Amino acid sequence: MHPNVTEIDHPLMKHKLTILRNAETTTDNFRRVVREIAAMMAYEVTRDLATEMVPITTPVADCEAPVISGKKLCLIAIMRAGNGMIDGMVELLPGARVGHIGLYRDPETLEAVEYYYKVPSDIDERQVIVVDPMLATGNSASAALSRLKEDGVSSIKFVCLLAAPEGLETMAREHPDVPILTASIDSHLNEHGYIVPGLGDAGDRLFGTR
């Protein structure tokens, strides 16, 4: 198991996750709930952001109040399913830059193959939050983190809706320094590399494809 995993234990989060798991949930509702959960996860993953005190004037008096300080944020979506989480996070973090890493899973080897990479030019100076709904084998997430580290990124967190033990083991082996935040650690992967009980293919359910 990864040494630095946080499973969010919140009744509202679990309720919304059940809606996503339900095969009867429509595409529009699936998208909406993914955005809602992503916003909640953005709140949790930024809990330890550094702050500093600045002088301001309220309608009543002068005072000092906290503002976010330190490195600026960048959200990285692992395409294509990661795009579904970005909107919800940007609602809470409107000043964050957004980057994209395109990866697909080879159906035979289950290894990640990169086909797109676009991030801010100053990515090495930013705190990076990588998002992907599913941490299954962990190969795509690991490849994305390795690519970002090649560009000099030293502050990275990974956020997903569901994680499988197999994916957590991959991340523990290859990126033990990266904190992981998830809404649920599920049972296992099936023979096709899907999380069980899971919620199906997040990309297909977000975009109405098969």
N, C-alpha and C. Protein backbone atom coordinates (compact mmCIF):
# COMPACT_ATOMS: atom_id res chain seq x y z
N MET A 1 0.84 -1.20 0.00
CA MET A 1 0.00 0.00 0.00
C MET A 1 0.87 1.25 0.00
N HIS A 2 0.41 2.28 -0.67
CA HIS A 2 1.14 3.55 -0.73
C HIS A 2 1.24 4.15 0.68
N PRO A 3 2.42 4.67 1.04
CA PRO A 3 2.60 5.18 2.41
C PRO A 3 1.88 6.48 2.71
N ASN A 4 1.36 7.16 1.69
CA ASN A 4 0.78 8.48 1.93
C ASN A 4 -0.54 8.64 1.18
N VAL A 5 -1.52 7.81 1.55
CA VAL A 5 -2.83 7.83 0.91
C VAL A 5 -3.87 8.35 1.89
N THR A 6 -4.72 9.27 1.40
CA THR A 6 -5.84 9.76 2.20
C THR A 6 -7.14 9.37 1.51
N GLU A 7 -7.97 8.58 2.20
CA GLU A 7 -9.29 8.23 1.71
C GLU A 7 -10.29 9.13 2.43
N ILE A 8 -10.99 9.97 1.67
CA ILE A 8 -11.90 10.94 2.27
C ILE A 8 -13.12 10.23 2.84
N ASP A 9 -13.28 10.32 4.13
CA ASP A 9 -14.39 9.65 4.80
C ASP A 9 -15.44 10.69 5.19
N HIS A 10 -16.25 11.07 4.22
CA HIS A 10 -17.27 12.09 4.44
C HIS A 10 -18.60 11.57 3.89
N PRO A 11 -19.68 11.62 4.67
CA PRO A 11 -20.95 11.08 4.22
C PRO A 11 -21.44 11.66 2.89
N LEU A 12 -21.27 12.96 2.69
CA LEU A 12 -21.72 13.58 1.45
C LEU A 12 -20.92 13.06 0.26
N MET A 13 -19.61 12.89 0.47
CA MET A 13 -18.76 12.34 -0.59
C MET A 13 -19.19 10.92 -0.95
N LYS A 14 -19.43 10.10 0.07
CA LYS A 14 -19.82 8.71 -0.17
C LYS A 14 -21.16 8.64 -0.89
N HIS A 15 -22.09 9.51 -0.51
CA HIS A 15 -23.40 9.56 -1.15
C HIS A 15 -23.27 9.87 -2.64
N LYS A 16 -22.48 10.88 -2.97
CA LYS A 16 -22.31 11.27 -4.36
C LYS A 16 -21.57 10.19 -5.15
N LEU A 17 -20.64 9.52 -4.49
CA LEU A 17 -19.91 8.45 -5.16
C LEU A 17 -20.85 7.29 -5.51
N THR A 18 -21.83 7.03 -4.65
CA THR A 18 -22.81 5.98 -4.94
C THR A 18 -23.61 6.32 -6.19
N ILE A 19 -23.92 7.60 -6.38
CA ILE A 19 -24.62 8.03 -7.59
C ILE A 19 -23.77 7.71 -8.82
N LEU A 20 -22.47 7.96 -8.74
CA LEU A 20 -21.58 7.67 -9.87
C LEU A 20 -21.48 6.18 -10.14
N ARG A 21 -21.50 5.38 -9.10
CA ARG A 21 -21.37 3.92 -9.27
C ARG A 21 -22.61 3.33 -9.96
N ASN A 22 -23.76 3.93 -9.74
CA ASN A 22 -25.02 3.38 -10.24
C ASN A 22 -25.04 3.38 -11.77
N ALA A 23 -25.22 2.21 -12.36
CA ALA A 23 -25.24 2.09 -13.82
C ALA A 23 -26.40 2.84 -14.45
N GLU A 24 -27.43 3.18 -13.65
CA GLU A 24 -28.60 3.88 -14.18
C GLU A 24 -28.41 5.40 -14.22
N THR A 25 -27.34 5.92 -13.66
CA THR A 25 -27.10 7.36 -13.66
C THR A 25 -26.84 7.85 -15.08
N THR A 26 -27.56 8.87 -15.50
CA THR A 26 -27.44 9.38 -16.86
C THR A 26 -26.15 10.16 -17.06
N THR A 27 -25.78 10.38 -18.31
CA THR A 27 -24.54 11.08 -18.62
C THR A 27 -24.51 12.48 -18.01
N ASP A 28 -25.61 13.23 -18.13
CA ASP A 28 -25.61 14.59 -17.61
C ASP A 28 -25.47 14.61 -16.09
N ASN A 29 -26.14 13.68 -15.41
CA ASN A 29 -26.01 13.61 -13.96
C ASN A 29 -24.63 13.12 -13.55
N PHE A 30 -24.07 12.21 -14.32
CA PHE A 30 -22.73 11.72 -14.03
C PHE A 30 -21.73 12.87 -14.09
N ARG A 31 -21.81 13.68 -15.14
CA ARG A 31 -20.91 14.83 -15.28
C ARG A 31 -21.06 15.79 -14.10
N ARG A 32 -22.32 16.09 -13.77
CA ARG A 32 -22.59 17.05 -12.70
C ARG A 32 -22.01 16.57 -11.37
N VAL A 33 -22.21 15.31 -11.05
CA VAL A 33 -21.73 14.79 -9.77
C VAL A 33 -20.21 14.69 -9.75
N VAL A 34 -19.59 14.37 -10.87
CA VAL A 34 -18.12 14.38 -10.93
C VAL A 34 -17.60 15.77 -10.62
N ARG A 35 -18.22 16.80 -11.19
CA ARG A 35 -17.81 18.18 -10.91
C ARG A 35 -17.95 18.49 -9.42
N GLU A 36 -19.07 18.06 -8.83
CA GLU A 36 -19.32 18.34 -7.42
C GLU A 36 -18.29 17.66 -6.52
N ILE A 37 -18.01 16.40 -6.81
CA ILE A 37 -17.01 15.67 -6.02
C ILE A 37 -15.63 16.30 -6.21
N ALA A 38 -15.30 16.67 -7.43
CA ALA A 38 -13.99 17.27 -7.71
C ALA A 38 -13.81 18.56 -6.91
N ALA A 39 -14.86 19.37 -6.80
CA ALA A 39 -14.77 20.60 -6.02
C ALA A 39 -14.51 20.28 -4.55
N MET A 40 -15.19 19.27 -4.03
CA MET A 40 -14.97 18.87 -2.65
C MET A 40 -13.55 18.36 -2.45
N MET A 41 -13.02 17.64 -3.42
CA MET A 41 -11.67 17.10 -3.31
C MET A 41 -10.63 18.21 -3.43
N ALA A 42 -10.95 19.25 -4.22
CA ALA A 42 -10.05 20.40 -4.32
C ALA A 42 -9.90 21.07 -2.96
N TYR A 43 -10.99 21.14 -2.23
CA TYR A 43 -10.97 21.70 -0.88
C TYR A 43 -10.03 20.88 0.02
N GLU A 44 -10.13 19.55 -0.07
CA GLU A 44 -9.32 18.69 0.78
C GLU A 44 -7.84 18.71 0.39
N VAL A 45 -7.56 18.67 -0.92
CA VAL A 45 -6.17 18.55 -1.35
C VAL A 45 -5.38 19.84 -1.13
N THR A 46 -6.09 20.97 -0.98
CA THR A 46 -5.40 22.25 -0.73
C THR A 46 -5.41 22.63 0.74
N ARG A 47 -5.78 21.72 1.60
CA ARG A 47 -5.90 22.01 3.03
C ARG A 47 -4.59 22.50 3.64
N ASP A 48 -3.45 22.06 3.10
CA ASP A 48 -2.16 22.41 3.69
C ASP A 48 -1.44 23.54 2.93
N LEU A 49 -2.14 24.28 2.08
CA LEU A 49 -1.50 25.40 1.38
C LEU A 49 -0.98 26.43 2.39
N ALA A 50 0.19 26.96 2.08
CA ALA A 50 0.78 27.97 2.96
C ALA A 50 0.02 29.29 2.85
N THR A 51 -0.06 30.02 3.95
CA THR A 51 -0.69 31.34 3.97
C THR A 51 0.24 32.36 4.61
N GLU A 52 -0.05 33.62 4.35
CA GLU A 52 0.67 34.71 5.00
C GLU A 52 -0.33 35.81 5.36
N MET A 53 0.02 36.61 6.33
CA MET A 53 -0.87 37.66 6.79
C MET A 53 -0.62 38.95 6.00
N VAL A 54 -1.69 39.61 5.58
CA VAL A 54 -1.58 40.88 4.86
C VAL A 54 -2.52 41.90 5.51
N PRO A 55 -2.15 43.18 5.46
CA PRO A 55 -3.03 44.20 6.05
C PRO A 55 -4.21 44.51 5.12
N ILE A 56 -5.41 44.57 5.66
CA ILE A 56 -6.59 44.96 4.91
C ILE A 56 -7.46 45.86 5.78
N THR A 57 -8.43 46.47 5.17
CA THR A 57 -9.40 47.27 5.92
C THR A 57 -10.79 46.71 5.68
N THR A 58 -11.43 46.26 6.73
CA THR A 58 -12.81 45.79 6.64
C THR A 58 -13.73 47.01 6.77
N PRO A 59 -15.04 46.84 6.61
CA PRO A 59 -15.96 47.96 6.83
C PRO A 59 -15.94 48.49 8.26
N VAL A 60 -15.29 47.73 9.15
CA VAL A 60 -15.30 48.12 10.57
C VAL A 60 -13.94 48.59 11.07
N ALA A 61 -12.85 47.94 10.62
CA ALA A 61 -11.53 48.27 11.19
C ALA A 61 -10.40 47.77 10.30
N ASP A 62 -9.20 48.27 10.57
CA ASP A 62 -7.99 47.74 9.96
C ASP A 62 -7.61 46.44 10.67
N CYS A 63 -7.07 45.49 9.90
CA CYS A 63 -6.63 44.24 10.52
C CYS A 63 -5.68 43.53 9.59
N GLU A 64 -5.12 42.43 10.06
CA GLU A 64 -4.35 41.54 9.21
C GLU A 64 -5.13 40.26 9.01
N ALA A 65 -5.11 39.75 7.76
CA ALA A 65 -5.89 38.56 7.43
C ALA A 65 -5.05 37.64 6.52
N PRO A 66 -5.33 36.32 6.54
CA PRO A 66 -4.51 35.38 5.77
C PRO A 66 -4.88 35.30 4.29
N VAL A 67 -3.87 35.17 3.44
CA VAL A 67 -4.04 34.90 2.01
C VAL A 67 -3.09 33.77 1.63
N ILE A 68 -3.40 33.10 0.53
CA ILE A 68 -2.54 32.02 0.05
C ILE A 68 -1.19 32.59 -0.38
N SER A 69 -0.13 31.90 0.01
CA SER A 69 1.22 32.33 -0.37
C SER A 69 1.99 31.15 -0.94
N GLY A 70 3.23 31.37 -1.30
CA GLY A 70 4.06 30.28 -1.81
C GLY A 70 3.85 30.04 -3.30
N LYS A 71 4.22 28.86 -3.75
CA LYS A 71 4.13 28.52 -5.17
C LYS A 71 2.69 28.55 -5.66
N LYS A 72 2.50 28.97 -6.89
CA LYS A 72 1.17 28.99 -7.49
C LYS A 72 0.78 27.59 -7.95
N LEU A 73 -0.53 27.38 -8.07
CA LEU A 73 -1.06 26.06 -8.39
C LEU A 73 -1.17 25.81 -9.89
N CYS A 74 -1.06 24.54 -10.25
CA CYS A 74 -1.36 24.09 -11.61
C CYS A 74 -2.11 22.77 -11.51
N LEU A 75 -3.25 22.69 -12.16
CA LEU A 75 -4.01 21.46 -12.24
C LEU A 75 -3.67 20.74 -13.54
N ILE A 76 -3.37 19.46 -13.44
CA ILE A 76 -3.03 18.67 -14.62
C ILE A 76 -4.06 17.56 -14.79
N ALA A 77 -4.75 17.55 -15.92
CA ALA A 77 -5.72 16.50 -16.21
C ALA A 77 -5.06 15.42 -17.06
N ILE A 78 -5.20 14.17 -16.62
CA ILE A 78 -4.81 13.05 -17.48
C ILE A 78 -6.00 12.78 -18.39
N MET A 79 -5.80 13.06 -19.68
CA MET A 79 -6.89 12.97 -20.64
C MET A 79 -7.25 11.51 -20.91
N ARG A 80 -8.54 11.24 -21.20
CA ARG A 80 -9.53 12.28 -21.35
C ARG A 80 -10.41 12.42 -20.13
N ALA A 81 -10.47 11.34 -19.33
CA ALA A 81 -11.39 11.33 -18.19
C ALA A 81 -11.04 12.39 -17.15
N GLY A 82 -9.77 12.74 -17.04
CA GLY A 82 -9.37 13.76 -16.07
C GLY A 82 -9.99 15.11 -16.34
N ASN A 83 -10.36 15.36 -17.62
CA ASN A 83 -10.99 16.63 -17.95
C ASN A 83 -12.30 16.83 -17.19
N GLY A 84 -12.98 15.73 -16.89
CA GLY A 84 -14.25 15.84 -16.19
C GLY A 84 -14.12 16.35 -14.77
N MET A 85 -12.93 16.22 -14.19
CA MET A 85 -12.71 16.69 -12.82
C MET A 85 -12.21 18.13 -12.77
N ILE A 86 -11.63 18.59 -13.86
CA ILE A 86 -11.01 19.92 -13.86
C ILE A 86 -12.02 21.03 -13.60
N ASP A 87 -13.19 20.97 -14.24
CA ASP A 87 -14.17 22.05 -14.09
C ASP A 87 -14.55 22.27 -12.64
N GLY A 88 -14.79 21.19 -11.90
CA GLY A 88 -15.16 21.33 -10.51
C GLY A 88 -14.05 21.92 -9.67
N MET A 89 -12.81 21.57 -9.97
CA MET A 89 -11.68 22.11 -9.21
C MET A 89 -11.44 23.58 -9.53
N VAL A 90 -11.60 23.94 -10.81
CA VAL A 90 -11.37 25.33 -11.20
C VAL A 90 -12.40 26.27 -10.57
N GLU A 91 -13.60 25.75 -10.31
CA GLU A 91 -14.60 26.57 -9.63
C GLU A 91 -14.10 27.04 -8.27
N LEU A 92 -13.37 26.16 -7.59
CA LEU A 92 -12.82 26.50 -6.27
C LEU A 92 -11.46 27.19 -6.38
N LEU A 93 -10.74 26.90 -7.46
CA LEU A 93 -9.38 27.41 -7.65
C LEU A 93 -9.28 28.15 -8.98
N PRO A 94 -10.00 29.27 -9.14
CA PRO A 94 -10.08 29.94 -10.44
C PRO A 94 -8.75 30.50 -10.93
N GLY A 95 -7.80 30.71 -10.03
CA GLY A 95 -6.52 31.26 -10.44
C GLY A 95 -5.51 30.22 -10.88
N ALA A 96 -5.85 28.95 -10.75
CA ALA A 96 -4.91 27.89 -11.10
C ALA A 96 -4.74 27.77 -12.61
N ARG A 97 -3.51 27.50 -13.04
CA ARG A 97 -3.27 27.16 -14.44
C ARG A 97 -3.70 25.71 -14.66
N VAL A 98 -3.95 25.36 -15.92
CA VAL A 98 -4.40 24.02 -16.25
C VAL A 98 -3.53 23.44 -17.36
N GLY A 99 -3.05 22.22 -17.15
CA GLY A 99 -2.29 21.52 -18.17
C GLY A 99 -2.95 20.19 -18.49
N HIS A 100 -2.51 19.55 -19.57
CA HIS A 100 -3.09 18.28 -20.00
C HIS A 100 -2.01 17.29 -20.42
N ILE A 101 -2.20 16.05 -20.00
CA ILE A 101 -1.34 14.97 -20.44
C ILE A 101 -2.23 13.92 -21.08
N GLY A 102 -1.99 13.62 -22.35
CA GLY A 102 -2.80 12.63 -23.05
C GLY A 102 -2.14 11.26 -22.98
N LEU A 103 -2.82 10.32 -22.37
CA LEU A 103 -2.32 8.95 -22.25
C LEU A 103 -3.44 7.98 -22.58
N TYR A 104 -3.12 6.88 -23.25
CA TYR A 104 -4.10 5.82 -23.40
C TYR A 104 -3.47 4.51 -22.96
N ARG A 105 -4.33 3.61 -22.52
CA ARG A 105 -3.86 2.33 -22.01
C ARG A 105 -3.85 1.29 -23.12
N ASP A 106 -2.68 0.74 -23.42
CA ASP A 106 -2.59 -0.31 -24.43
C ASP A 106 -3.43 -1.49 -23.96
N PRO A 107 -4.41 -1.93 -24.78
CA PRO A 107 -5.33 -2.97 -24.33
C PRO A 107 -4.67 -4.33 -24.10
N GLU A 108 -3.50 -4.53 -24.70
CA GLU A 108 -2.81 -5.81 -24.54
C GLU A 108 -1.90 -5.81 -23.32
N THR A 109 -1.07 -4.75 -23.20
CA THR A 109 -0.08 -4.71 -22.13
C THR A 109 -0.57 -3.95 -20.90
N LEU A 110 -1.63 -3.14 -21.06
CA LEU A 110 -2.16 -2.25 -20.01
C LEU A 110 -1.16 -1.15 -19.65
N GLU A 111 -0.11 -0.99 -20.47
CA GLU A 111 0.86 0.07 -20.23
C GLU A 111 0.36 1.39 -20.81
N ALA A 112 0.83 2.51 -20.25
CA ALA A 112 0.41 3.83 -20.70
C ALA A 112 1.25 4.30 -21.88
N VAL A 113 0.58 4.88 -22.88
CA VAL A 113 1.26 5.43 -24.06
C VAL A 113 0.90 6.90 -24.16
N GLU A 114 1.89 7.77 -24.20
CA GLU A 114 1.64 9.22 -24.24
C GLU A 114 1.40 9.68 -25.67
N TYR A 115 0.35 10.53 -25.87
CA TYR A 115 0.09 11.09 -27.19
C TYR A 115 -0.08 12.60 -27.16
N TYR A 116 -0.08 13.21 -25.96
CA TYR A 116 -0.24 14.67 -25.87
C TYR A 116 0.34 15.16 -24.54
N TYR A 117 1.01 16.33 -24.62
CA TYR A 117 1.58 16.91 -23.40
C TYR A 117 1.64 18.42 -23.55
N LYS A 118 0.86 19.15 -22.75
CA LYS A 118 0.83 20.61 -22.80
C LYS A 118 0.66 21.14 -21.38
N VAL A 119 1.71 21.79 -20.87
CA VAL A 119 1.67 22.33 -19.51
C VAL A 119 2.25 23.74 -19.51
N PRO A 120 2.01 24.54 -18.45
CA PRO A 120 2.60 25.88 -18.40
C PRO A 120 4.12 25.83 -18.48
N SER A 121 4.70 26.86 -19.09
CA SER A 121 6.15 26.89 -19.27
C SER A 121 6.91 26.95 -17.94
N ASP A 122 6.24 27.47 -16.90
CA ASP A 122 6.89 27.56 -15.58
C ASP A 122 6.41 26.45 -14.65
N ILE A 123 6.10 25.29 -15.21
CA ILE A 123 5.54 24.19 -14.43
C ILE A 123 6.45 23.80 -13.27
N ASP A 124 7.76 23.94 -13.45
CA ASP A 124 8.70 23.54 -12.40
C ASP A 124 8.65 24.47 -11.19
N GLU A 125 7.98 25.62 -11.33
CA GLU A 125 7.87 26.57 -10.22
C GLU A 125 6.51 26.49 -9.53
N ARG A 126 5.70 25.55 -9.90
CA ARG A 126 4.32 25.49 -9.38
C ARG A 126 4.08 24.24 -8.54
N GLN A 127 3.08 24.36 -7.67
CA GLN A 127 2.55 23.18 -6.98
C GLN A 127 1.55 22.53 -7.94
N VAL A 128 1.73 21.26 -8.20
CA VAL A 128 0.95 20.57 -9.21
C VAL A 128 0.00 19.56 -8.57
N ILE A 129 -1.25 19.59 -9.03
CA ILE A 129 -2.25 18.61 -8.62
C ILE A 129 -2.69 17.86 -9.88
N VAL A 130 -2.37 16.58 -9.93
CA VAL A 130 -2.72 15.74 -11.08
C VAL A 130 -4.04 15.04 -10.79
N VAL A 131 -4.98 15.08 -11.75
CA VAL A 131 -6.28 14.47 -11.53
C VAL A 131 -6.62 13.45 -12.61
N ASP A 132 -7.20 12.35 -12.18
CA ASP A 132 -7.70 11.29 -13.05
C ASP A 132 -8.72 10.52 -12.23
N PRO A 133 -9.93 10.31 -12.75
CA PRO A 133 -10.95 9.66 -11.93
C PRO A 133 -10.55 8.29 -11.38
N MET A 134 -9.81 7.51 -12.16
CA MET A 134 -9.54 6.13 -11.78
C MET A 134 -8.04 5.86 -11.63
N LEU A 135 -7.65 5.28 -10.51
CA LEU A 135 -6.29 4.77 -10.34
C LEU A 135 -6.42 3.25 -10.35
N ALA A 136 -6.28 2.66 -11.53
CA ALA A 136 -6.51 1.22 -11.70
C ALA A 136 -5.18 0.47 -11.59
N THR A 137 -4.51 0.24 -12.72
CA THR A 137 -3.19 -0.38 -12.66
C THR A 137 -2.15 0.59 -12.11
N GLY A 138 -2.42 1.88 -12.27
CA GLY A 138 -1.46 2.90 -11.85
C GLY A 138 -0.46 3.26 -12.91
N ASN A 139 -0.51 2.59 -14.05
CA ASN A 139 0.50 2.83 -15.09
C ASN A 139 0.38 4.22 -15.70
N SER A 140 -0.84 4.66 -16.00
CA SER A 140 -1.03 5.99 -16.59
C SER A 140 -0.64 7.08 -15.60
N ALA A 141 -1.09 6.96 -14.36
CA ALA A 141 -0.75 7.96 -13.35
C ALA A 141 0.75 8.02 -13.14
N SER A 142 1.39 6.87 -13.06
CA SER A 142 2.84 6.82 -12.85
C SER A 142 3.58 7.46 -14.01
N ALA A 143 3.13 7.18 -15.25
CA ALA A 143 3.77 7.77 -16.42
C ALA A 143 3.61 9.28 -16.42
N ALA A 144 2.44 9.78 -16.03
CA ALA A 144 2.21 11.22 -15.98
C ALA A 144 3.11 11.87 -14.95
N LEU A 145 3.22 11.26 -13.78
CA LEU A 145 4.07 11.84 -12.73
C LEU A 145 5.54 11.83 -13.15
N SER A 146 5.97 10.76 -13.80
CA SER A 146 7.36 10.69 -14.27
C SER A 146 7.64 11.79 -15.29
N ARG A 147 6.68 12.03 -16.18
CA ARG A 147 6.84 13.07 -17.20
C ARG A 147 6.97 14.44 -16.55
N LEU A 148 6.15 14.71 -15.53
CA LEU A 148 6.21 16.00 -14.84
C LEU A 148 7.53 16.16 -14.08
N LYS A 149 8.00 15.09 -13.47
CA LYS A 149 9.27 15.15 -12.75
C LYS A 149 10.43 15.41 -13.71
N GLU A 150 10.32 14.89 -14.93
CA GLU A 150 11.34 15.17 -15.94
C GLU A 150 11.42 16.66 -16.24
N ASP A 151 10.29 17.36 -16.11
CA ASP A 151 10.25 18.81 -16.35
C ASP A 151 10.58 19.61 -15.09
N GLY A 152 11.04 18.93 -14.05
CA GLY A 152 11.50 19.64 -12.87
C GLY A 152 10.48 19.88 -11.79
N VAL A 153 9.28 19.30 -11.92
CA VAL A 153 8.25 19.50 -10.89
C VAL A 153 8.64 18.73 -9.63
N SER A 154 8.64 19.43 -8.50
CA SER A 154 9.04 18.80 -7.24
C SER A 154 7.89 18.71 -6.24
N SER A 155 6.80 19.46 -6.49
CA SER A 155 5.65 19.45 -5.58
C SER A 155 4.44 18.92 -6.34
N ILE A 156 4.09 17.65 -6.10
CA ILE A 156 3.01 17.00 -6.82
C ILE A 156 2.08 16.26 -5.85
N LYS A 157 0.78 16.35 -6.12
CA LYS A 157 -0.21 15.51 -5.46
C LYS A 157 -1.07 14.87 -6.54
N PHE A 158 -1.63 13.70 -6.21
CA PHE A 158 -2.48 13.00 -7.16
C PHE A 158 -3.87 12.81 -6.55
N VAL A 159 -4.90 13.14 -7.34
CA VAL A 159 -6.28 13.06 -6.87
C VAL A 159 -7.10 12.17 -7.80
N CYS A 160 -7.84 11.23 -7.22
CA CYS A 160 -8.69 10.35 -8.02
C CYS A 160 -9.98 10.05 -7.27
N LEU A 161 -11.00 9.64 -8.02
CA LEU A 161 -12.26 9.26 -7.40
C LEU A 161 -12.15 7.89 -6.75
N LEU A 162 -11.59 6.92 -7.51
CA LEU A 162 -11.45 5.55 -7.02
C LEU A 162 -10.01 5.09 -7.21
N ALA A 163 -9.55 4.27 -6.25
CA ALA A 163 -8.22 3.67 -6.36
C ALA A 163 -8.33 2.17 -6.10
N ALA A 164 -7.58 1.39 -6.85
CA ALA A 164 -7.47 -0.05 -6.62
C ALA A 164 -6.17 -0.33 -5.88
N PRO A 165 -6.13 -1.36 -5.06
CA PRO A 165 -4.89 -1.70 -4.36
C PRO A 165 -3.72 -1.90 -5.32
N GLU A 166 -3.98 -2.47 -6.50
CA GLU A 166 -2.91 -2.68 -7.47
C GLU A 166 -2.30 -1.36 -7.92
N GLY A 167 -3.15 -0.35 -8.14
CA GLY A 167 -2.65 0.96 -8.55
C GLY A 167 -1.87 1.63 -7.44
N LEU A 168 -2.34 1.48 -6.22
CA LEU A 168 -1.63 2.06 -5.09
C LEU A 168 -0.25 1.41 -4.91
N GLU A 169 -0.17 0.11 -5.19
CA GLU A 169 1.11 -0.57 -5.10
C GLU A 169 2.08 -0.06 -6.16
N THR A 170 1.56 0.17 -7.38
CA THR A 170 2.40 0.72 -8.46
C THR A 170 2.93 2.09 -8.05
N MET A 171 2.05 2.93 -7.53
CA MET A 171 2.46 4.28 -7.14
C MET A 171 3.43 4.24 -5.96
N ALA A 172 3.24 3.32 -5.04
CA ALA A 172 4.14 3.19 -3.90
C ALA A 172 5.53 2.78 -4.36
N ARG A 173 5.58 1.94 -5.37
CA ARG A 173 6.86 1.48 -5.89
C ARG A 173 7.57 2.55 -6.71
N GLU A 174 6.81 3.31 -7.50
CA GLU A 174 7.44 4.24 -8.44
C GLU A 174 7.40 5.69 -7.99
N HIS A 175 6.43 6.06 -7.15
CA HIS A 175 6.33 7.46 -6.70
C HIS A 175 5.89 7.53 -5.23
N PRO A 176 6.67 6.98 -4.32
CA PRO A 176 6.28 6.98 -2.91
C PRO A 176 6.25 8.38 -2.29
N ASP A 177 6.86 9.35 -2.99
CA ASP A 177 6.90 10.72 -2.48
C ASP A 177 5.65 11.53 -2.80
N VAL A 178 4.77 11.00 -3.64
CA VAL A 178 3.60 11.76 -4.10
C VAL A 178 2.37 11.40 -3.25
N PRO A 179 1.81 12.37 -2.51
CA PRO A 179 0.58 12.10 -1.76
C PRO A 179 -0.58 11.81 -2.70
N ILE A 180 -1.45 10.87 -2.28
CA ILE A 180 -2.62 10.49 -3.06
C ILE A 180 -3.87 10.75 -2.24
N LEU A 181 -4.85 11.39 -2.88
CA LEU A 181 -6.14 11.65 -2.25
C LEU A 181 -7.21 10.97 -3.08
N THR A 182 -8.06 10.15 -2.44
CA THR A 182 -9.09 9.42 -3.16
C THR A 182 -10.39 9.40 -2.38
N ALA A 183 -11.50 9.23 -3.11
CA ALA A 183 -12.80 9.14 -2.45
C ALA A 183 -13.08 7.72 -1.98
N SER A 184 -12.38 6.73 -2.56
CA SER A 184 -12.60 5.34 -2.14
C SER A 184 -11.46 4.46 -2.61
N ILE A 185 -11.06 3.52 -1.74
CA ILE A 185 -10.16 2.44 -2.14
C ILE A 185 -11.02 1.20 -2.34
N ASP A 186 -11.16 0.77 -3.58
CA ASP A 186 -12.03 -0.35 -3.91
C ASP A 186 -11.31 -1.69 -3.73
N SER A 187 -12.01 -2.78 -4.10
CA SER A 187 -11.54 -4.12 -3.78
C SER A 187 -10.34 -4.58 -4.61
N HIS A 188 -10.47 -4.56 -5.95
CA HIS A 188 -9.43 -5.13 -6.79
C HIS A 188 -9.71 -4.79 -8.26
N LEU A 189 -8.82 -5.24 -9.13
CA LEU A 189 -9.01 -5.12 -10.58
C LEU A 189 -9.49 -6.46 -11.13
N ASN A 190 -10.40 -6.39 -12.14
CA ASN A 190 -10.80 -7.63 -12.79
C ASN A 190 -9.83 -7.98 -13.91
N GLU A 191 -10.13 -9.03 -14.66
CA GLU A 191 -9.20 -9.50 -15.69
C GLU A 191 -9.02 -8.51 -16.83
N HIS A 192 -9.90 -7.53 -16.94
CA HIS A 192 -9.78 -6.52 -17.99
C HIS A 192 -9.13 -5.23 -17.47
N GLY A 193 -8.70 -5.23 -16.23
CA GLY A 193 -8.04 -4.06 -15.66
C GLY A 193 -8.99 -2.99 -15.16
N TYR A 194 -10.27 -3.36 -14.96
CA TYR A 194 -11.26 -2.42 -14.43
C TYR A 194 -11.37 -2.56 -12.91
N ILE A 195 -11.60 -1.44 -12.24
CA ILE A 195 -11.76 -1.44 -10.79
C ILE A 195 -13.09 -2.09 -10.41
N VAL A 196 -13.06 -2.94 -9.38
CA VAL A 196 -14.24 -3.62 -8.86
C VAL A 196 -14.48 -3.18 -7.41
N PRO A 197 -15.70 -2.76 -7.00
CA PRO A 197 -16.90 -2.68 -7.84
C PRO A 197 -16.86 -1.51 -8.83
N GLY A 198 -16.10 -0.48 -8.55
CA GLY A 198 -15.86 0.58 -9.52
C GLY A 198 -17.09 1.35 -9.94
N LEU A 199 -16.99 1.96 -11.13
CA LEU A 199 -18.11 2.71 -11.71
C LEU A 199 -18.11 2.61 -13.23
N GLY A 200 -17.36 1.63 -13.74
CA GLY A 200 -17.25 1.48 -15.19
C GLY A 200 -16.14 2.32 -15.75
N ASP A 201 -16.22 2.63 -17.03
CA ASP A 201 -15.22 3.48 -17.70
C ASP A 201 -15.62 4.93 -17.50
N ALA A 202 -14.85 5.65 -16.70
CA ALA A 202 -15.21 7.04 -16.36
C ALA A 202 -15.28 7.93 -17.59
N GLY A 203 -14.35 7.74 -18.53
CA GLY A 203 -14.37 8.55 -19.75
C GLY A 203 -15.61 8.32 -20.57
N ASP A 204 -15.98 7.06 -20.76
CA ASP A 204 -17.18 6.75 -21.53
C ASP A 204 -18.43 7.31 -20.86
N ARG A 205 -18.49 7.23 -19.55
CA ARG A 205 -19.69 7.70 -18.85
C ARG A 205 -19.75 9.23 -18.81
N LEU A 206 -18.60 9.87 -18.81
CA LEU A 206 -18.57 11.34 -18.84
C LEU A 206 -18.98 11.88 -20.21
N PHE A 207 -18.55 11.22 -21.26
CA PHE A 207 -18.70 11.77 -22.60
C PHE A 207 -19.73 11.01 -23.45
N GLY A 208 -20.37 10.01 -22.87
CA GLY A 208 -21.42 9.31 -23.59
C GLY A 208 -20.92 8.45 -24.72
N THR A 209 -19.72 7.87 -24.57
CA THR A 209 -19.13 7.05 -25.61
C THR A 209 -18.96 5.63 -25.10
N ARG A 210 -18.57 4.74 -26.01
CA ARG A 210 -18.27 3.36 -25.62
C ARG A 210 -17.03 2.89 -26.34
